C-alpha atoms as a PDB file:
ATOM      1  CA  UNK A   1      42.909 -10.575 251.309  1.00  0.00           C
ATOM      2  CA  UNK A   2      43.004  -9.453 254.940  1.00  0.00           C
ATOM      3  CA  UNK A   3      41.064 -11.147 257.657  1.00  0.00           C
ATOM      4  CA  UNK A   4      38.538  -8.813 259.271  1.00  0.00           C
ATOM      5  CA  UNK A   5      38.279  -8.641 263.035  1.00  0.00           C
ATOM      6  CA  UNK A   6      35.126  -9.836 264.699  1.00  0.00           C
ATOM      7  CA  UNK A   7      32.813  -7.236 266.132  1.00  0.00           C
ATOM      8  CA  UNK A   8      33.436  -6.917 269.878  1.00  0.00           C
ATOM      9  CA  UNK A   9      29.716  -7.328 270.646  1.00  0.00           C
ATOM     10  CA  UNK A  10      29.580 -10.547 268.634  1.00  0.00           C
ATOM     11  CA  UNK A  11      32.622 -11.938 270.405  1.00  0.00           C
ATOM     12  CA  UNK A  12      31.121 -11.083 273.808  1.00  0.00           C
ATOM     13  CA  UNK A  13      27.803 -12.693 272.862  1.00  0.00           C
ATOM     14  CA  UNK A  14      29.575 -15.876 271.732  1.00  0.00           C
ATOM     15  CA  UNK A  15      31.510 -15.939 275.016  1.00  0.00           C
ATOM     16  CA  UNK A  16      28.284 -15.580 277.037  1.00  0.00           C
ATOM     17  CA  UNK A  17      26.618 -18.388 275.068  1.00  0.00           C
ATOM     18  CA  UNK A  18      29.549 -20.704 275.716  1.00  0.00           C
ATOM     19  CA  UNK A  19      29.640 -19.791 279.410  1.00  0.00           C
ATOM     20  CA  UNK A  20      25.884 -20.239 279.905  1.00  0.00           C
ATOM     21  CA  UNK A  21      25.358 -23.411 277.882  1.00  0.00           C
ATOM     22  CA  UNK A  22      28.796 -25.027 278.259  1.00  0.00           C
ATOM     23  CA  UNK A  23      28.336 -27.249 275.202  1.00  0.00           C
ATOM     24  CA  UNK A  24      30.447 -30.393 275.127  1.00  0.00           C
ATOM     25  CA  UNK A  25      29.118 -31.906 271.911  1.00  0.00           C
ATOM     26  CA  UNK A  26      27.859 -30.699 268.570  1.00  0.00           C
ATOM     27  CA  UNK A  27      24.355 -31.677 269.687  1.00  0.00           C
ATOM     28  CA  UNK A  28      24.716 -29.505 272.799  1.00  0.00           C
ATOM     29  CA  UNK A  29      25.721 -26.569 270.610  1.00  0.00           C
ATOM     30  CA  UNK A  30      22.817 -27.164 268.228  1.00  0.00           C
ATOM     31  CA  UNK A  31      20.386 -27.208 271.160  1.00  0.00           C
ATOM     32  CA  UNK A  32      21.870 -23.964 272.502  1.00  0.00           C
ATOM     33  CA  UNK A  33      21.446 -22.297 269.110  1.00  0.00           C
ATOM     34  CA  UNK A  34      17.832 -23.501 268.895  1.00  0.00           C
ATOM     35  CA  UNK A  35      17.137 -22.008 272.338  1.00  0.00           C
ATOM     36  CA  UNK A  36      18.734 -18.713 271.369  1.00  0.00           C
ATOM     37  CA  UNK A  37      17.590 -18.214 267.789  1.00  0.00           C
ATOM     38  CA  UNK A  38      14.305 -20.156 267.790  1.00  0.00           C
ATOM     39  CA  UNK A  39      12.209 -17.394 269.378  1.00  0.00           C
ATOM     40  CA  UNK A  40      13.782 -14.789 267.086  1.00  0.00           C
ATOM     41  CA  UNK A  41      12.961 -16.771 263.936  1.00  0.00           C
ATOM     42  CA  UNK A  42       9.440 -17.511 265.173  1.00  0.00           C
ATOM     43  CA  UNK A  43       8.810 -13.796 265.744  1.00  0.00           C
ATOM     44  CA  UNK A  44      10.181 -12.950 262.296  1.00  0.00           C
ATOM     45  CA  UNK A  45       7.939 -15.552 260.641  1.00  0.00           C
ATOM     46  CA  UNK A  46       4.862 -14.286 262.513  1.00  0.00           C
ATOM     47  CA  UNK A  47       5.650 -10.759 261.365  1.00  0.00           C
ATOM     48  CA  UNK A  48       6.039 -11.954 257.791  1.00  0.00           C
ATOM     49  CA  UNK A  49       2.661 -13.722 257.970  1.00  0.00           C
ATOM     50  CA  UNK A  50       0.993 -10.603 259.434  1.00  0.00           C
ATOM     51  CA  UNK A  51       2.404  -8.521 256.594  1.00  0.00           C
ATOM     52  CA  UNK A  52       1.431 -11.081 253.934  1.00  0.00           C
ATOM     53  CA  UNK A  53      -2.164 -11.434 255.157  1.00  0.00           C
ATOM     54  CA  UNK A  54      -2.581  -7.774 256.074  1.00  0.00           C
ATOM     55  CA  UNK A  55      -3.816  -8.326 259.621  1.00  0.00           C
ATOM     56  CA  UNK A  56      -2.485  -9.279 263.051  1.00  0.00           C
ATOM     57  CA  UNK A  57      -2.950 -12.614 264.776  1.00  0.00           C
ATOM     58  CA  UNK A  58      -6.320 -12.906 266.570  1.00  0.00           C
ATOM     59  CA  UNK A  59      -7.720  -9.883 264.702  1.00  0.00           C
ATOM     60  CA  UNK A  60     -11.501 -10.304 264.837  1.00  0.00           C
ATOM     61  CA  UNK A  61     -12.328  -7.398 262.498  1.00  0.00           C
ATOM     62  CA  UNK A  62     -13.624  -7.736 258.948  1.00  0.00           C
ATOM     63  CA  UNK A  63     -10.865  -8.868 256.576  1.00  0.00           C
ATOM     64  CA  UNK A  64     -10.178  -7.461 253.109  1.00  0.00           C
ATOM     65  CA  UNK A  65      -8.967 -10.837 251.849  1.00  0.00           C
ATOM     66  CA  UNK A  66     -10.280 -14.386 251.765  1.00  0.00           C
ATOM     67  CA  UNK A  67      -6.803 -15.657 252.631  1.00  0.00           C
ATOM     68  CA  UNK A  68      -6.751 -16.792 256.295  1.00  0.00           C
ATOM     69  CA  UNK A  69      -4.486 -18.360 258.830  1.00  0.00           C
ATOM     70  CA  UNK A  70      -4.956 -22.048 259.520  1.00  0.00           C
ATOM     71  CA  UNK A  71      -6.548 -22.783 262.851  1.00  0.00           C
ATOM     72  CA  UNK A  72      -9.772 -23.227 264.696  1.00  0.00           C
ATOM     73  CA  UNK A  73     -12.834 -21.065 264.552  1.00  0.00           C
ATOM     74  CA  UNK A  74     -16.263 -21.104 266.135  1.00  0.00           C
END
């Protein structure tokens, strides 16, 4: 089995992360990854919820389903 080369863009991104965050411990690296990937995962989950419920966040229109987001209402 041959070892595949890393994509050049991925290698450059990893280099930039290391340069910007300069992690010295595993905890530092975990915090850097949370900063980087946290917003991406949050956006993906919001999109999944919008698709599942069939409407966007803060949509005030009549809904076709009784299923709602948790939260506050008037």
